[in-house]
Amino acid sequence: MKCSIYLKLILLFLILPISTSTVYGNPSDTESLKTSFEELKNDLEGISKKTLDLLRQRET
């Protein structure tokens, strides 16, 4: 359970700086913004899956 909380905090700190820089970088370009968020979401899903796999390996 503790791992889940730590993962959420790590992901939050990864999302906030990237999303704010993307929004304030060029707010008029919504298509680019959508693409950036999709790429970010896919990257974070991959990172979280890899992290969970590593945590499971470490526990066994």
Protein backbone atom coordinates (compact mmCIF):
# COMPACT_ATOMS: atom_id res chain seq x y z
CA MET A 1 0.00 0.00 0.00
CA LYS A 2 2.85 2.39 0.78
CA CYS A 3 4.29 1.84 -2.69
CA SER A 4 1.03 3.02 -4.25
CA ILE A 5 1.14 6.29 -2.31
CA TYR A 6 4.76 6.89 -3.22
CA LEU A 7 4.06 6.16 -6.89
CA LYS A 8 1.20 8.65 -6.94
CA LEU A 9 3.39 11.34 -5.39
CA ILE A 10 6.20 10.69 -7.85
CA LEU A 11 3.82 10.80 -10.80
CA LEU A 12 2.23 14.00 -9.49
CA PHE A 13 5.62 15.71 -9.31
CA LEU A 14 6.39 14.48 -12.82
CA ILE A 15 3.09 15.70 -14.26
CA LEU A 16 2.90 19.17 -12.71
CA PRO A 17 6.09 20.74 -14.12
CA ILE A 18 5.59 19.23 -17.57
CA SER A 19 1.91 20.14 -17.85
CA THR A 20 2.38 23.72 -16.65
CA SER A 21 5.30 24.34 -19.00
CA THR A 22 3.26 22.88 -21.86
CA VAL A 23 0.21 25.03 -21.07
CA TYR A 24 2.10 28.27 -20.63
CA GLY A 25 4.49 27.57 -23.48
CA ASN A 26 1.94 28.00 -26.28
CA PRO A 27 -1.71 28.02 -25.13
CA SER A 28 -3.15 28.69 -28.59
CA ASP A 29 -1.85 25.44 -30.07
CA THR A 30 -4.49 23.02 -28.74
CA GLU A 31 -3.67 20.18 -31.13
CA SER A 32 -0.05 20.17 -30.04
CA LEU A 33 -1.23 20.32 -26.43
CA LYS A 34 -3.47 17.26 -26.91
CA THR A 35 -0.60 15.37 -28.53
CA SER A 36 1.75 16.33 -25.71
CA PHE A 37 -0.69 15.13 -23.06
CA GLU A 38 -1.27 11.84 -24.91
CA GLU A 39 2.48 11.26 -25.15
CA LEU A 40 2.89 12.18 -21.48
CA LYS A 41 0.09 9.83 -20.48
CA ASN A 42 1.63 6.97 -22.45
CA ASP A 43 5.07 7.65 -20.98
CA LEU A 44 3.70 7.75 -17.43
CA GLU A 45 1.77 4.51 -17.94
CA GLY A 46 4.97 2.86 -19.14
CA ILE A 47 6.97 4.25 -16.23
CA SER A 48 4.40 3.16 -13.67
CA LYS A 49 4.21 -0.36 -15.15
CA LYS A 50 8.00 -0.69 -15.09
CA THR A 51 8.15 0.67 -11.53
CA LEU A 52 5.49 -1.77 -10.35
CA ASP A 53 7.33 -4.65 -12.02
CA LEU A 54 10.56 -3.63 -10.29
CA LEU A 55 8.80 -3.37 -6.93
CA ARG A 56 7.25 -6.82 -7.38
CA GLN A 57 10.64 -8.31 -8.27
CA ARG A 58 12.18 -6.67 -5.22
CA GLU A 59 9.50 -8.06 -2.88
CA THR A 60 10.04 -11.66 -4.00
